[in-house]
Amino acid sequence: MPGALRMYGDAAVREAIPGLLNDLRSDREMRRLLSDRLEAAARSELAERVDEAVEDGTARPGVGADTIMDVIAGGAWYAVCVRRIKDVDAAATELSELVLRGILRS
């Protein structure tokens, strides 16, 4: 998770995001390119890890890797680009805890 926060913290990446989001919404080929080249491997690896965690009883079933990836990417983007966090490590720890443990008491 610190990697996503650091990536979005890069000034060039942060400034490019609004245009990239617009292009992704309007350009099917750009969306396919991003998905196929950049996201597919990360989503596939995460899906394998989630499946293994469900199998061994570490994670509960029913939460998809795509949703987890969306939460991580969206949370990282918002923290860096909108809230302008400075402590990447603390933000990564907090986001990790939220993703792994949720907000409700067991």
PDB file of N, CA and C in Angstrom:
ATOM      1  N   MET A   1       0.792  -1.195   0.000  1.00  0.00           N
ATOM      2  CA  MET A   1       0.000   0.000   0.000  1.00  0.00           C
ATOM      3  C   MET A   1       0.847   1.277   0.000  1.00  0.00           C
ATOM      4  N   PRO A   2       1.998   1.277   0.646  1.00  0.00           N
ATOM      5  CA  PRO A   2       2.814   2.489   0.559  1.00  0.00           C
ATOM      6  C   PRO A   2       3.184   2.821  -0.884  1.00  0.00           C
ATOM      7  N   GLY A   3       3.312   1.797  -1.733  1.00  0.00           N
ATOM      8  CA  GLY A   3       3.663   2.040  -3.132  1.00  0.00           C
ATOM      9  C   GLY A   3       2.611   2.873  -3.849  1.00  0.00           C
ATOM     10  N   ALA A   4       1.352   2.564  -3.624  1.00  0.00           N
ATOM     11  CA  ALA A   4       0.272   3.335  -4.249  1.00  0.00           C
ATOM     12  C   ALA A   4       0.282   4.770  -3.741  1.00  0.00           C
ATOM     13  N   LEU A   5       0.480   4.935  -2.447  1.00  0.00           N
ATOM     14  CA  LEU A   5       0.505   6.287  -1.882  1.00  0.00           C
ATOM     15  C   LEU A   5       1.697   7.073  -2.408  1.00  0.00           C
ATOM     16  N   ARG A   6       2.844   6.437  -2.513  1.00  0.00           N
ATOM     17  CA  ARG A   6       4.023   7.136  -3.044  1.00  0.00           C
ATOM     18  C   ARG A   6       3.835   7.492  -4.514  1.00  0.00           C
ATOM     19  N   MET A   7       3.242   6.557  -5.275  1.00  0.00           N
ATOM     20  CA  MET A   7       3.022   6.815  -6.692  1.00  0.00           C
ATOM     21  C   MET A   7       2.113   8.036  -6.860  1.00  0.00           C
ATOM     22  N   TYR A   8       0.989   8.066  -6.152  1.00  0.00           N
ATOM     23  CA  TYR A   8       0.076   9.200  -6.274  1.00  0.00           C
ATOM     24  C   TYR A   8       0.689  10.475  -5.695  1.00  0.00           C
ATOM     25  N   GLY A   9       1.660  10.344  -4.824  1.00  0.00           N
ATOM     26  CA  GLY A   9       2.326  11.504  -4.251  1.00  0.00           C
ATOM     27  C   GLY A   9       3.288  12.188  -5.201  1.00  0.00           C
ATOM     28  N   ASP A  10       3.689  11.484  -6.247  1.00  0.00           N
ATOM     29  CA  ASP A  10       4.576  12.062  -7.246  1.00  0.00           C
ATOM     30  C   ASP A  10       3.831  13.188  -7.964  1.00  0.00           C
ATOM     31  N   ALA A  11       4.447  14.361  -8.023  1.00  0.00           N
ATOM     32  CA  ALA A  11       3.781  15.540  -8.589  1.00  0.00           C
ATOM     33  C   ALA A  11       3.301  15.304 -10.017  1.00  0.00           C
ATOM     34  N   ALA A  12       4.097  14.651 -10.840  1.00  0.00           N
ATOM     35  CA  ALA A  12       3.709  14.412 -12.231  1.00  0.00           C
ATOM     36  C   ALA A  12       2.491  13.493 -12.300  1.00  0.00           C
ATOM     37  N   VAL A  13       2.479  12.468 -11.476  1.00  0.00           N
ATOM     38  CA  VAL A  13       1.337  11.549 -11.453  1.00  0.00           C
ATOM     39  C   VAL A  13       0.099  12.270 -10.958  1.00  0.00           C
ATOM     40  N   ARG A  14       0.244  13.008  -9.870  1.00  0.00           N
ATOM     41  CA  ARG A  14      -0.883  13.730  -9.277  1.00  0.00           C
ATOM     42  C   ARG A  14      -1.506  14.707 -10.278  1.00  0.00           C
ATOM     43  N   GLU A  15      -0.670  15.407 -11.031  1.00  0.00           N
ATOM     44  CA  GLU A  15      -1.174  16.378 -12.007  1.00  0.00           C
ATOM     45  C   GLU A  15      -1.794  15.699 -13.222  1.00  0.00           C
ATOM     46  N   ALA A  16      -1.350  14.499 -13.550  1.00  0.00           N
ATOM     47  CA  ALA A  16      -1.860  13.787 -14.723  1.00  0.00           C
ATOM     48  C   ALA A  16      -3.194  13.088 -14.461  1.00  0.00           C
ATOM     49  N   ILE A  17      -3.520  12.837 -13.208  1.00  0.00           N
ATOM     50  CA  ILE A  17      -4.696  12.020 -12.880  1.00  0.00           C
ATOM     51  C   ILE A  17      -6.006  12.575 -13.433  1.00  0.00           C
ATOM     52  N   PRO A  18      -6.332  13.856 -13.287  1.00  0.00           N
ATOM     53  CA  PRO A  18      -7.624  14.316 -13.829  1.00  0.00           C
ATOM     54  C   PRO A  18      -7.770  14.042 -15.329  1.00  0.00           C
ATOM     55  N   GLY A  19      -6.739  14.312 -16.096  1.00  0.00           N
ATOM     56  CA  GLY A  19      -6.792  14.052 -17.539  1.00  0.00           C
ATOM     57  C   GLY A  19      -6.869  12.566 -17.843  1.00  0.00           C
ATOM     58  N   LEU A  20      -6.123  11.777 -17.087  1.00  0.00           N
ATOM     59  CA  LEU A  20      -6.144  10.331 -17.277  1.00  0.00           C
ATOM     60  C   LEU A  20      -7.530   9.764 -16.979  1.00  0.00           C
ATOM     61  N   LEU A  21      -8.138  10.217 -15.896  1.00  0.00           N
ATOM     62  CA  LEU A  21      -9.487   9.751 -15.561  1.00  0.00           C
ATOM     63  C   LEU A  21     -10.488  10.117 -16.659  1.00  0.00           C
ATOM     64  N   ASN A  22     -10.367  11.315 -17.184  1.00  0.00           N
ATOM     65  CA  ASN A  22     -11.239  11.725 -18.275  1.00  0.00           C
ATOM     66  C   ASN A  22     -11.023  10.836 -19.499  1.00  0.00           C
ATOM     67  N   ASP A  23      -9.771  10.594 -19.851  1.00  0.00           N
ATOM     68  CA  ASP A  23      -9.466   9.727 -20.989  1.00  0.00           C
ATOM     69  C   ASP A  23      -9.983   8.308 -20.761  1.00  0.00           C
ATOM     70  N   LEU A  24      -9.839   7.801 -19.550  1.00  0.00           N
ATOM     71  CA  LEU A  24     -10.294   6.442 -19.263  1.00  0.00           C
ATOM     72  C   LEU A  24     -11.806   6.315 -19.403  1.00  0.00           C
ATOM     73  N   ARG A  25     -12.523   7.360 -19.036  1.00  0.00           N
ATOM     74  CA  ARG A  25     -13.986   7.341 -19.165  1.00  0.00           C
ATOM     75  C   ARG A  25     -14.422   7.397 -20.622  1.00  0.00           C
ATOM     76  N   SER A  26     -13.684   8.139 -21.445  1.00  0.00           N
ATOM     77  CA  SER A  26     -14.146   8.389 -22.806  1.00  0.00           C
ATOM     78  C   SER A  26     -13.465   7.540 -23.871  1.00  0.00           C
ATOM     79  N   ASP A  27     -12.350   6.915 -23.552  1.00  0.00           N
ATOM     80  CA  ASP A  27     -11.570   6.187 -24.565  1.00  0.00           C
ATOM     81  C   ASP A  27     -11.461   4.711 -24.190  1.00  0.00           C
ATOM     82  N   ARG A  28     -12.242   3.883 -24.869  1.00  0.00           N
ATOM     83  CA  ARG A  28     -12.268   2.453 -24.581  1.00  0.00           C
ATOM     84  C   ARG A  28     -10.893   1.812 -24.788  1.00  0.00           C
ATOM     85  N   GLU A  29     -10.177   2.231 -25.802  1.00  0.00           N
ATOM     86  CA  GLU A  29      -8.854   1.649 -26.079  1.00  0.00           C
ATOM     87  C   GLU A  29      -7.860   1.989 -24.965  1.00  0.00           C
ATOM     88  N   MET A  30      -7.911   3.215 -24.475  1.00  0.00           N
ATOM     89  CA  MET A  30      -7.043   3.624 -23.363  1.00  0.00           C
ATOM     90  C   MET A  30      -7.371   2.809 -22.117  1.00  0.00           C
ATOM     91  N   ARG A  31      -8.657   2.613 -21.856  1.00  0.00           N
ATOM     92  CA  ARG A  31      -9.093   1.841 -20.697  1.00  0.00           C
ATOM     93  C   ARG A  31      -8.595   0.399 -20.801  1.00  0.00           C
ATOM     94  N   ARG A  32      -8.705  -0.184 -21.996  1.00  0.00           N
ATOM     95  CA  ARG A  32      -8.239  -1.552 -22.206  1.00  0.00           C
ATOM     96  C   ARG A  32      -6.724  -1.645 -22.031  1.00  0.00           C
ATOM     97  N   LEU A  33      -6.024  -0.681 -22.554  1.00  0.00           N
ATOM     98  CA  LEU A  33      -4.569  -0.654 -22.438  1.00  0.00           C
ATOM     99  C   LEU A  33      -4.139  -0.575 -20.979  1.00  0.00           C
ATOM    100  N   LEU A  34      -4.742   0.304 -20.218  1.00  0.00           N
ATOM    101  CA  LEU A  34      -4.411   0.434 -18.802  1.00  0.00           C
ATOM    102  C   LEU A  34      -4.736  -0.855 -18.062  1.00  0.00           C
ATOM    103  N   SER A  35      -5.901  -1.389 -18.336  1.00  0.00           N
ATOM    104  CA  SER A  35      -6.318  -2.615 -17.664  1.00  0.00           C
ATOM    105  C   SER A  35      -5.416  -3.776 -18.017  1.00  0.00           C
ATOM    106  N   ASP A  36      -5.163  -3.966 -19.304  1.00  0.00           N
ATOM    107  CA  ASP A  36      -4.364  -5.109 -19.752  1.00  0.00           C
ATOM    108  C   ASP A  36      -2.907  -5.015 -19.328  1.00  0.00           C
ATOM    109  N   ARG A  37      -2.332  -3.849 -19.448  1.00  0.00           N
ATOM    110  CA  ARG A  37      -0.891  -3.717 -19.196  1.00  0.00           C
ATOM    111  C   ARG A  37      -0.525  -3.445 -17.747  1.00  0.00           C
ATOM    112  N   LEU A  38      -1.295  -2.607 -17.082  1.00  0.00           N
ATOM    113  CA  LEU A  38      -0.890  -2.166 -15.764  1.00  0.00           C
ATOM    114  C   LEU A  38      -1.622  -2.864 -14.627  1.00  0.00           C
ATOM    115  N   GLU A  39      -2.900  -3.066 -14.791  1.00  0.00           N
ATOM    116  CA  GLU A  39      -3.684  -3.580 -13.681  1.00  0.00           C
ATOM    117  C   GLU A  39      -3.813  -5.088 -13.661  1.00  0.00           C
ATOM    118  N   ALA A  40      -3.818  -5.716 -14.802  1.00  0.00           N
ATOM    119  CA  ALA A  40      -4.133  -7.144 -14.870  1.00  0.00           C
ATOM    120  C   ALA A  40      -3.230  -7.980 -13.975  1.00  0.00           C
ATOM    121  N   ALA A  41      -1.940  -7.750 -14.024  1.00  0.00           N
ATOM    122  CA  ALA A  41      -1.009  -8.553 -13.215  1.00  0.00           C
ATOM    123  C   ALA A  41      -1.237  -8.314 -11.727  1.00  0.00           C
ATOM    124  N   ALA A  42      -1.411  -7.065 -11.338  1.00  0.00           N
ATOM    125  CA  ALA A  42      -1.614  -6.759  -9.921  1.00  0.00           C
ATOM    126  C   ALA A  42      -2.933  -7.341  -9.424  1.00  0.00           C
ATOM    127  N   ARG A  43      -3.983  -7.211 -10.219  1.00  0.00           N
ATOM    128  CA  ARG A  43      -5.283  -7.758  -9.810  1.00  0.00           C
ATOM    129  C   ARG A  43      -5.239  -9.278  -9.758  1.00  0.00           C
ATOM    130  N   SER A  44      -4.556  -9.895 -10.696  1.00  0.00           N
ATOM    131  CA  SER A  44      -4.443 -11.351 -10.715  1.00  0.00           C
ATOM    132  C   SER A  44      -3.683 -11.857  -9.492  1.00  0.00           C
ATOM    133  N   GLU A  45      -2.580 -11.195  -9.168  1.00  0.00           N
ATOM    134  CA  GLU A  45      -1.792 -11.590  -7.993  1.00  0.00           C
ATOM    135  C   GLU A  45      -2.603 -11.403  -6.711  1.00  0.00           C
ATOM    136  N   LEU A  46      -3.314 -10.299  -6.616  1.00  0.00           N
ATOM    137  CA  LEU A  46      -4.144 -10.065  -5.439  1.00  0.00           C
ATOM    138  C   LEU A  46      -5.245 -11.122  -5.343  1.00  0.00           C
ATOM    139  N   ALA A  47      -5.865 -11.465  -6.470  1.00  0.00           N
ATOM    140  CA  ALA A  47      -6.921 -12.479  -6.473  1.00  0.00           C
ATOM    141  C   ALA A  47      -6.390 -13.819  -5.970  1.00  0.00           C
ATOM    142  N   GLU A  48      -5.189 -14.182  -6.395  1.00  0.00           N
ATOM    143  CA  GLU A  48      -4.581 -15.426  -5.913  1.00  0.00           C
ATOM    144  C   GLU A  48      -4.370 -15.387  -4.408  1.00  0.00           C
ATOM    145  N   ARG A  49      -3.861 -14.286  -3.918  1.00  0.00           N
ATOM    146  CA  ARG A  49      -3.626 -14.153  -2.476  1.00  0.00           C
ATOM    147  C   ARG A  49      -4.924 -14.192  -1.685  1.00  0.00           C
ATOM    148  N   VAL A  50      -5.957 -13.541  -2.198  1.00  0.00           N
ATOM    149  CA  VAL A  50      -7.251 -13.553  -1.516  1.00  0.00           C
ATOM    150  C   VAL A  50      -7.819 -14.966  -1.507  1.00  0.00           C
ATOM    151  N   ASP A  51      -7.753 -15.641  -2.635  1.00  0.00           N
ATOM    152  CA  ASP A  51      -8.248 -17.022  -2.704  1.00  0.00           C
ATOM    153  C   ASP A  51      -7.522 -17.925  -1.714  1.00  0.00           C
ATOM    154  N   GLU A  52      -6.204 -17.783  -1.631  1.00  0.00           N
ATOM    155  CA  GLU A  52      -5.417 -18.586  -0.678  1.00  0.00           C
ATOM    156  C   GLU A  52      -5.821 -18.269   0.758  1.00  0.00           C
ATOM    157  N   ALA A  53      -6.038 -16.998   1.040  1.00  0.00           N
ATOM    158  CA  ALA A  53      -6.423 -16.592   2.399  1.00  0.00           C
ATOM    159  C   ALA A  53      -7.806 -17.131   2.754  1.00  0.00           C
ATOM    160  N   VAL A  54      -8.708 -17.176   1.802  1.00  0.00           N
ATOM    161  CA  VAL A  54     -10.033 -17.746   2.046  1.00  0.00           C
ATOM    162  C   VAL A  54      -9.901 -19.246   2.286  1.00  0.00           C
ATOM    163  N   GLU A  55      -9.101 -19.911   1.447  1.00  0.00           N
ATOM    164  CA  GLU A  55      -8.893 -21.355   1.584  1.00  0.00           C
ATOM    165  C   GLU A  55      -8.340 -21.733   2.948  1.00  0.00           C
ATOM    166  N   ASP A  56      -7.365 -20.970   3.429  1.00  0.00           N
ATOM    167  CA  ASP A  56      -6.745 -21.345   4.712  1.00  0.00           C
ATOM    168  C   ASP A  56      -7.470 -20.752   5.923  1.00  0.00           C
ATOM    169  N   GLY A  57      -8.594 -20.059   5.671  1.00  0.00           N
ATOM    170  CA  GLY A  57      -9.398 -19.553   6.768  1.00  0.00           C
ATOM    171  C   GLY A  57      -8.974 -18.203   7.311  1.00  0.00           C
ATOM    172  N   THR A  58      -7.984 -17.589   6.712  1.00  0.00           N
ATOM    173  CA  THR A  58      -7.514 -16.279   7.165  1.00  0.00           C
ATOM    174  C   THR A  58      -8.482 -15.173   6.785  1.00  0.00           C
ATOM    175  N   ALA A  59      -9.081 -15.283   5.595  1.00  0.00           N
ATOM    176  CA  ALA A  59     -10.011 -14.263   5.110  1.00  0.00           C
ATOM    177  C   ALA A  59     -11.396 -14.875   4.939  1.00  0.00           C
ATOM    178  N   ARG A  60     -12.396 -14.031   5.080  1.00  0.00           N
ATOM    179  CA  ARG A  60     -13.763 -14.521   4.890  1.00  0.00           C
ATOM    180  C   ARG A  60     -14.077 -14.530   3.390  1.00  0.00           C
ATOM    181  N   PRO A  61     -14.912 -15.461   2.963  1.00  0.00           N
ATOM    182  CA  PRO A  61     -15.287 -15.511   1.554  1.00  0.00           C
ATOM    183  C   PRO A  61     -16.246 -14.371   1.200  1.00  0.00           C
ATOM    184  N   GLY A  62     -16.331 -14.087  -0.073  1.00  0.00           N
ATOM    185  CA  GLY A  62     -17.322 -13.129  -0.540  1.00  0.00           C
ATOM    186  C   GLY A  62     -16.811 -11.735  -0.824  1.00  0.00           C
ATOM    187  N   VAL A  63     -15.535 -11.481  -0.587  1.00  0.00           N
ATOM    188  CA  VAL A  63     -14.974 -10.170  -0.909  1.00  0.00           C
ATOM    189  C   VAL A  63     -14.026 -10.361  -2.086  1.00  0.00           C
ATOM    190  N   GLY A  64     -14.345  -9.705  -3.188  1.00  0.00           N
ATOM    191  CA  GLY A  64     -13.562  -9.885  -4.400  1.00  0.00           C
ATOM    192  C   GLY A  64     -12.297  -9.055  -4.428  1.00  0.00           C
ATOM    193  N   ALA A  65     -11.296  -9.581  -5.106  1.00  0.00           N
ATOM    194  CA  ALA A  65     -10.022  -8.875  -5.249  1.00  0.00           C
ATOM    195  C   ALA A  65     -10.207  -7.537  -5.974  1.00  0.00           C
ATOM    196  N   ASP A  66     -11.136  -7.475  -6.924  1.00  0.00           N
ATOM    197  CA  ASP A  66     -11.360  -6.209  -7.629  1.00  0.00           C
ATOM    198  C   ASP A  66     -11.843  -5.120  -6.675  1.00  0.00           C
ATOM    199  N   THR A  67     -12.721  -5.482  -5.776  1.00  0.00           N
ATOM    200  CA  THR A  67     -13.220  -4.509  -4.800  1.00  0.00           C
ATOM    201  C   THR A  67     -12.103  -4.066  -3.866  1.00  0.00           C
ATOM    202  N   ILE A  68     -11.291  -5.013  -3.427  1.00  0.00           N
ATOM    203  CA  ILE A  68     -10.159  -4.673  -2.558  1.00  0.00           C
ATOM    204  C   ILE A  68      -9.208  -3.724  -3.285  1.00  0.00           C
ATOM    205  N   MET A  69      -8.896  -4.031  -4.540  1.00  0.00           N
ATOM    206  CA  MET A  69      -7.997  -3.183  -5.325  1.00  0.00           C
ATOM    207  C   MET A  69      -8.597  -1.790  -5.504  1.00  0.00           C
ATOM    208  N   ASP A  70      -9.895  -1.725  -5.745  1.00  0.00           N
ATOM    209  CA  ASP A  70     -10.554  -0.417  -5.895  1.00  0.00           C
ATOM    210  C   ASP A  70     -10.452   0.405  -4.613  1.00  0.00           C
ATOM    211  N   VAL A  71     -10.636  -0.249  -3.472  1.00  0.00           N
ATOM    212  CA  VAL A  71     -10.552   0.442  -2.184  1.00  0.00           C
ATOM    213  C   VAL A  71      -9.134   0.974  -1.961  1.00  0.00           C
ATOM    214  N   ILE A  72      -8.147   0.149  -2.246  1.00  0.00           N
ATOM    215  CA  ILE A  72      -6.754   0.569  -2.055  1.00  0.00           C
ATOM    216  C   ILE A  72      -6.408   1.731  -2.979  1.00  0.00           C
ATOM    217  N   ALA A  73      -6.684   1.560  -4.266  1.00  0.00           N
ATOM    218  CA  ALA A  73      -6.332   2.609  -5.238  1.00  0.00           C
ATOM    219  C   ALA A  73      -7.108   3.895  -4.954  1.00  0.00           C
ATOM    220  N   GLY A  74      -8.402   3.762  -4.712  1.00  0.00           N
ATOM    221  CA  GLY A  74      -9.219   4.947  -4.442  1.00  0.00           C
ATOM    222  C   GLY A  74      -8.817   5.638  -3.152  1.00  0.00           C
ATOM    223  N   GLY A  75      -8.575   4.847  -2.110  1.00  0.00           N
ATOM    224  CA  GLY A  75      -8.157   5.423  -0.837  1.00  0.00           C
ATOM    225  C   GLY A  75      -6.809   6.112  -0.936  1.00  0.00           C
ATOM    226  N   ALA A  76      -5.888   5.482  -1.646  1.00  0.00           N
ATOM    227  CA  ALA A  76      -4.554   6.080  -1.813  1.00  0.00           C
ATOM    228  C   ALA A  76      -4.643   7.373  -2.619  1.00  0.00           C
ATOM    229  N   TRP A  77      -5.399   7.326  -3.712  1.00  0.00           N
ATOM    230  CA  TRP A  77      -5.535   8.514  -4.549  1.00  0.00           C
ATOM    231  C   TRP A  77      -6.151   9.672  -3.769  1.00  0.00           C
ATOM    232  N   TYR A  78      -7.224   9.402  -3.052  1.00  0.00           N
ATOM    233  CA  TYR A  78      -7.909  10.450  -2.305  1.00  0.00           C
ATOM    234  C   TYR A  78      -7.008  11.029  -1.215  1.00  0.00           C
ATOM    235  N   ALA A  79      -6.316  10.140  -0.498  1.00  0.00           N
ATOM    236  CA  ALA A  79      -5.445  10.601   0.590  1.00  0.00           C
ATOM    237  C   ALA A  79      -4.358  11.543   0.080  1.00  0.00           C
ATOM    238  N   VAL A  80      -3.769  11.199  -1.047  1.00  0.00           N
ATOM    239  CA  VAL A  80      -2.651  11.991  -1.563  1.00  0.00           C
ATOM    240  C   VAL A  80      -3.129  13.216  -2.337  1.00  0.00           C
ATOM    241  N   CYS A  81      -4.081  13.015  -3.228  1.00  0.00           N
ATOM    242  CA  CYS A  81      -4.462  14.094  -4.136  1.00  0.00           C
ATOM    243  C   CYS A  81      -5.467  15.078  -3.546  1.00  0.00           C
ATOM    244  N   VAL A  82      -6.336  14.613  -2.675  1.00  0.00           N
ATOM    245  CA  VAL A  82      -7.353  15.502  -2.130  1.00  0.00           C
ATOM    246  C   VAL A  82      -6.976  15.965  -0.726  1.00  0.00           C
ATOM    247  N   ARG A  83      -6.666  15.003   0.161  1.00  0.00           N
ATOM    248  CA  ARG A  83      -6.307  15.369   1.528  1.00  0.00           C
ATOM    249  C   ARG A  83      -4.868  15.857   1.638  1.00  0.00           C
ATOM    250  N   ARG A  84      -4.053  15.530   0.654  1.00  0.00           N
ATOM    251  CA  ARG A  84      -2.638  15.942   0.616  1.00  0.00           C
ATOM    252  C   ARG A  84      -1.858  15.497   1.846  1.00  0.00           C
ATOM    253  N   ILE A  85      -1.996  14.204   2.185  1.00  0.00           N
ATOM    254  CA  ILE A  85      -1.283  13.654   3.340  1.00  0.00           C
ATOM    255  C   ILE A  85       0.220  13.789   3.113  1.00  0.00           C
ATOM    256  N   LYS A  86       0.949  13.914   4.185  1.00  0.00           N
ATOM    257  CA  LYS A  86       2.409  14.019   4.102  1.00  0.00           C
ATOM    258  C   LYS A  86       3.088  12.759   4.624  1.00  0.00           C
ATOM    259  N   ASP A  87       2.488  12.112   5.606  1.00  0.00           N
ATOM    260  CA  ASP A  87       3.085  10.914   6.203  1.00  0.00           C
ATOM    261  C   ASP A  87       2.547   9.678   5.485  1.00  0.00           C
ATOM    262  N   VAL A  88       3.251   9.280   4.443  1.00  0.00           N
ATOM    263  CA  VAL A  88       2.829   8.155   3.607  1.00  0.00           C
ATOM    264  C   VAL A  88       2.777   6.857   4.410  1.00  0.00           C
ATOM    265  N   ASP A  89       3.758   6.637   5.255  1.00  0.00           N
ATOM    266  CA  ASP A  89       3.794   5.398   6.027  1.00  0.00           C
ATOM    267  C   ASP A  89       2.604   5.284   6.977  1.00  0.00           C
ATOM    268  N   ALA A  90       2.266   6.368   7.645  1.00  0.00           N
ATOM    269  CA  ALA A  90       1.116   6.348   8.557  1.00  0.00           C
ATOM    270  C   ALA A  90      -0.183   6.135   7.778  1.00  0.00           C
ATOM    271  N   ALA A  91      -0.304   6.788   6.644  1.00  0.00           N
ATOM    272  CA  ALA A  91      -1.507   6.613   5.824  1.00  0.00           C
ATOM    273  C   ALA A  91      -1.609   5.186   5.305  1.00  0.00           C
ATOM    274  N   ALA A  92      -0.492   4.609   4.896  1.00  0.00           N
ATOM    275  CA  ALA A  92      -0.489   3.226   4.411  1.00  0.00           C
ATOM    276  C   ALA A  92      -0.877   2.263   5.516  1.00  0.00           C
ATOM    277  N   THR A  93      -0.379   2.497   6.719  1.00  0.00           N
ATOM    278  CA  THR A  93      -0.726   1.642   7.856  1.00  0.00           C
ATOM    279  C   THR A  93      -2.216   1.738   8.154  1.00  0.00           C
ATOM    280  N   GLU A  94      -2.747   2.950   8.181  1.00  0.00           N
ATOM    281  CA  GLU A  94      -4.160   3.139   8.487  1.00  0.00           C
ATOM    282  C   GLU A  94      -5.053   2.526   7.410  1.00  0.00           C
ATOM    283  N   LEU A  95      -4.705   2.725   6.148  1.00  0.00           N
ATOM    284  CA  LEU A  95      -5.487   2.145   5.060  1.00  0.00           C
ATOM    285  C   LEU A  95      -5.405   0.620   5.092  1.00  0.00           C
ATOM    286  N   SER A  96      -4.236   0.083   5.373  1.00  0.00           N
ATOM    287  CA  SER A  96      -4.074  -1.373   5.482  1.00  0.00           C
ATOM    288  C   SER A  96      -4.941  -1.933   6.594  1.00  0.00           C
ATOM    289  N   GLU A  97      -4.928  -1.285   7.740  1.00  0.00           N
ATOM    290  CA  GLU A  97      -5.740  -1.733   8.873  1.00  0.00           C
ATOM    291  C   GLU A  97      -7.226  -1.709   8.517  1.00  0.00           C
ATOM    292  N   LEU A  98      -7.643  -0.655   7.824  1.00  0.00           N
ATOM    293  CA  LEU A  98      -9.042  -0.555   7.427  1.00  0.00           C
ATOM    294  C   LEU A  98      -9.417  -1.672   6.460  1.00  0.00           C
ATOM    295  N   VAL A  99      -8.579  -1.922   5.476  1.00  0.00           N
ATOM    296  CA  VAL A  99      -8.859  -2.970   4.487  1.00  0.00           C
ATOM    297  C   VAL A  99      -8.862  -4.343   5.152  1.00  0.00           C
ATOM    298  N   LEU A 100      -7.905  -4.582   6.028  1.00  0.00           N
ATOM    299  CA  LEU A 100      -7.778  -5.906   6.631  1.00  0.00           C
ATOM    300  C   LEU A 100      -8.754  -6.161   7.774  1.00  0.00           C
ATOM    301  N   ARG A 101      -9.109  -5.143   8.532  1.00  0.00           N
ATOM    302  CA  ARG A 101      -9.920  -5.364   9.722  1.00  0.00           C
ATOM    303  C   ARG A 101     -11.288  -4.667   9.693  1.00  0.00           C
ATOM    304  N   GLY A 102     -11.502  -3.772   8.754  1.00  0.00           N
ATOM    305  CA  GLY A 102     -12.785  -3.087   8.661  1.00  0.00           C
ATOM    306  C   GLY A 102     -12.955  -2.063   9.772  1.00  0.00           C
ATOM    307  N   ILE A 103     -14.190  -1.623   9.968  1.00  0.00           N
ATOM    308  CA  ILE A 103     -14.448  -0.618  10.993  1.00  0.00           C
ATOM    309  C   ILE A 103     -15.331  -1.128  12.122  1.00  0.00           C
ATOM    310  N   LEU A 104     -15.996  -2.253  11.902  1.00  0.00           N
ATOM    311  CA  LEU A 104     -16.899  -2.773  12.919  1.00  0.00           C
ATOM    312  C   LEU A 104     -16.162  -3.690  13.884  1.00  0.00           C
ATOM    313  N   ARG A 105     -16.575  -3.629  15.148  1.00  0.00           N
ATOM    314  CA  ARG A 105     -15.996  -4.546  16.135  1.00  0.00           C
ATOM    315  C   ARG A 105     -16.568  -5.928  15.891  1.00  0.00           C
ATOM    316  N   SER A 106     -15.752  -6.922  16.104  1.00  0.00           N
ATOM    317  CA  SER A 106     -16.222  -8.312  15.899  1.00  0.00           C
ATOM    318  C   SER A 106     -17.007  -8.783  17.079  1.00  0.00           C
TER     319      SER A 106
END
